[in-house]
C-alpha atoms as a PDB file:
ATOM      1  CA  MET A   1     -38.221   7.703 142.563  1.00  0.00           C
ATOM      2  CA  PRO A   2     -40.450   4.711 143.354  1.00  0.00           C
ATOM      3  CA  HIS A   3     -41.228   3.932 146.943  1.00  0.00           C
ATOM      4  CA  LEU A   4     -39.339   0.838 148.077  1.00  0.00           C
ATOM      5  CA  THR A   5     -41.213  -1.416 150.426  1.00  0.00           C
ATOM      6  CA  ARG A   6     -39.756  -4.306 152.378  1.00  0.00           C
ATOM      7  CA  ALA A   7     -41.450  -6.676 149.936  1.00  0.00           C
ATOM      8  CA  SER A   8     -39.868  -5.028 146.891  1.00  0.00           C
ATOM      9  CA  LEU A   9     -36.445  -5.025 148.553  1.00  0.00           C
ATOM     10  CA  ALA A  10     -36.836  -8.703 149.392  1.00  0.00           C
ATOM     11  CA  GLU A  11     -37.838  -9.441 145.796  1.00  0.00           C
ATOM     12  CA  ARG A  12     -34.747  -7.624 144.512  1.00  0.00           C
ATOM     13  CA  ARG A  13     -32.548  -9.646 146.861  1.00  0.00           C
ATOM     14  CA  THR A  14     -34.210 -12.855 145.681  1.00  0.00           C
ATOM     15  CA  GLN A  15     -33.668 -11.944 142.019  1.00  0.00           C
ATOM     16  CA  ARG A  16     -30.024 -11.119 142.685  1.00  0.00           C
ATOM     17  CA  ALA A  17     -29.582 -14.419 144.566  1.00  0.00           C
ATOM     18  CA  ARG A  18     -31.147 -16.323 141.668  1.00  0.00           C
ATOM     19  CA  LYS A  19     -28.766 -14.704 139.189  1.00  0.00           C
ATOM     20  CA  GLU A  20     -25.714 -15.329 141.362  1.00  0.00           C
ATOM     21  CA  LEU A  21     -26.670 -18.967 141.898  1.00  0.00           C
ATOM     22  CA  ALA A  22     -27.243 -19.493 138.188  1.00  0.00           C
ATOM     23  CA  GLU A  23     -23.798 -18.056 137.466  1.00  0.00           C
ATOM     24  CA  GLN A  24     -22.162 -20.196 140.140  1.00  0.00           C
ATOM     25  CA  LEU A  25     -23.812 -23.357 138.852  1.00  0.00           C
ATOM     26  CA  THR A  26     -22.148 -23.054 135.452  1.00  0.00           C
ATOM     27  CA  GLU A  27     -18.623 -24.354 135.861  1.00  0.00           C
ATOM     28  CA  GLU A  28     -15.917 -23.406 133.400  1.00  0.00           C
ATOM     29  CA  ILE A  29     -14.139 -26.556 132.275  1.00  0.00           C
ATOM     30  CA  THR A  30     -11.099 -26.999 130.012  1.00  0.00           C
ATOM     31  CA  ASP A  31     -10.829 -25.254 126.630  1.00  0.00           C
ATOM     32  CA  ASN A  32     -13.126 -22.435 127.787  1.00  0.00           C
ATOM     33  CA  LYS A  33     -16.194 -24.607 127.199  1.00  0.00           C
ATOM     34  CA  ARG A  34     -19.013 -24.100 129.630  1.00  0.00           C
ATOM     35  CA  LYS A  35     -20.916 -27.140 130.767  1.00  0.00           C
ATOM     36  CA  SER A  36     -23.950 -27.179 133.007  1.00  0.00           C
ATOM     37  CA  ILE A  37     -23.565 -28.846 136.362  1.00  0.00           C
ATOM     38  CA  ALA A  38     -27.087 -27.984 137.533  1.00  0.00           C
ATOM     39  CA  ARG A  39     -30.014 -25.942 136.302  1.00  0.00           C
ATOM     40  CA  LEU A  40     -32.374 -23.751 138.306  1.00  0.00           C
ATOM     41  CA  HIS A  41     -35.991 -23.462 137.173  1.00  0.00           C
ATOM     42  CA  PHE A  42     -37.720 -20.350 138.537  1.00  0.00           C
ATOM     43  CA  ASN A  43     -40.415 -20.159 135.865  1.00  0.00           C
ATOM     44  CA  ALA A  44     -43.367 -20.492 138.220  1.00  0.00           C
ATOM     45  CA  LYS A  45     -43.796 -18.672 141.507  1.00  0.00           C
ATOM     46  CA  SER A  46     -45.684 -21.601 143.008  1.00  0.00           C
ATOM     47  CA  GLN A  47     -42.949 -24.235 142.529  1.00  0.00           C
ATOM     48  CA  TRP A  48     -39.222 -23.994 141.855  1.00  0.00           C
ATOM     49  CA  TYR A  49     -36.955 -26.822 140.717  1.00  0.00           C
ATOM     50  CA  VAL A  50     -33.266 -27.654 140.644  1.00  0.00           C
ATOM     51  CA  GLY A  51     -32.201 -29.823 137.744  1.00  0.00           C
ATOM     52  CA  THR A  52     -29.329 -32.256 138.253  1.00  0.00           C
ATOM     53  CA  PHE A  53     -27.567 -34.260 135.568  1.00  0.00           C
ATOM     54  CA  ASP A  54     -26.567 -37.923 135.489  1.00  0.00           C
ATOM     55  CA  ALA A  55     -23.621 -39.480 133.626  1.00  0.00           C
ATOM     56  CA  ASP A  56     -25.644 -39.512 130.382  1.00  0.00           C
ATOM     57  CA  LYS A  57     -26.399 -35.768 130.773  1.00  0.00           C
ATOM     58  CA  LYS A  58     -30.074 -36.549 131.420  1.00  0.00           C
ATOM     59  CA  GLU A  59     -31.677 -33.904 133.620  1.00  0.00           C
ATOM     60  CA  THR A  60     -33.779 -34.788 136.645  1.00  0.00           C
ATOM     61  CA  ARG A  61     -35.889 -31.979 138.115  1.00  0.00           C
ATOM     62  CA  HIS A  62     -36.234 -31.863 141.889  1.00  0.00           C
ATOM     63  CA  PRO A  63     -38.795 -29.539 143.526  1.00  0.00           C
ATOM     64  CA  ILE A  64     -37.447 -26.946 145.957  1.00  0.00           C
ATOM     65  CA  ASN A  65     -39.273 -24.413 148.085  1.00  0.00           C
ATOM     66  CA  ASP A  66     -36.362 -22.135 148.916  1.00  0.00           C
ATOM     67  CA  LEU A  67     -32.928 -21.360 147.483  1.00  0.00           C
ATOM     68  CA  GLU A  68     -31.309 -23.025 150.487  1.00  0.00           C
ATOM     69  CA  ASP A  69     -32.882 -26.347 149.428  1.00  0.00           C
ATOM     70  CA  ILE A  70     -30.269 -26.813 146.702  1.00  0.00           C
ATOM     71  CA  TYR A  71     -27.753 -27.806 149.375  1.00  0.00           C
ATOM     72  CA  ALA A  72     -29.613 -31.121 149.637  1.00  0.00           C
ATOM     73  CA  PHE A  73     -28.289 -31.885 146.128  1.00  0.00           C
ATOM     74  CA  ALA A  74     -24.663 -30.941 146.823  1.00  0.00           C
ATOM     75  CA  ASP A  75     -23.365 -34.501 146.499  1.00  0.00           C
ATOM     76  CA  ILE A  76     -25.089 -34.995 143.134  1.00  0.00           C
ATOM     77  CA  ILE A  77     -23.751 -31.666 141.849  1.00  0.00           C
ATOM     78  CA  ARG A  78     -20.225 -32.481 143.053  1.00  0.00           C
ATOM     79  CA  ALA A  79     -20.391 -35.871 141.286  1.00  0.00           C
ATOM     80  CA  THR A  80     -21.392 -34.085 138.070  1.00  0.00           C
ATOM     81  CA  VAL A  81     -18.411 -31.730 138.390  1.00  0.00           C
ATOM     82  CA  ARG A  82     -16.057 -34.680 138.986  1.00  0.00           C
ATOM     83  CA  SER A  83     -17.391 -36.473 135.903  1.00  0.00           C
ATOM     84  CA  LEU A  84     -16.877 -33.353 133.761  1.00  0.00           C
ATOM     85  CA  GLU A  85     -13.326 -32.914 135.011  1.00  0.00           C
ATOM     86  CA  ALA A  86     -12.408 -36.514 134.164  1.00  0.00           C
END
């Protein structure tokens, strides 16, 4: 069994949080069609991004440093959900 360090446990928690957030940010809308309300970009360790969508479904990437930073985009994400529900 591999030795678990605090760093590896923290990394596992971060990966789990990323997955849960990605699942939460896909909202199920009518007719069982899934539509993106936001997109998380964790491709690079040095800089993460949250992508938000406008009325024309154009994505804008915003840099974030921590998962908690997505709360700054709550109003934009809520507006996207409202537009998809309409």
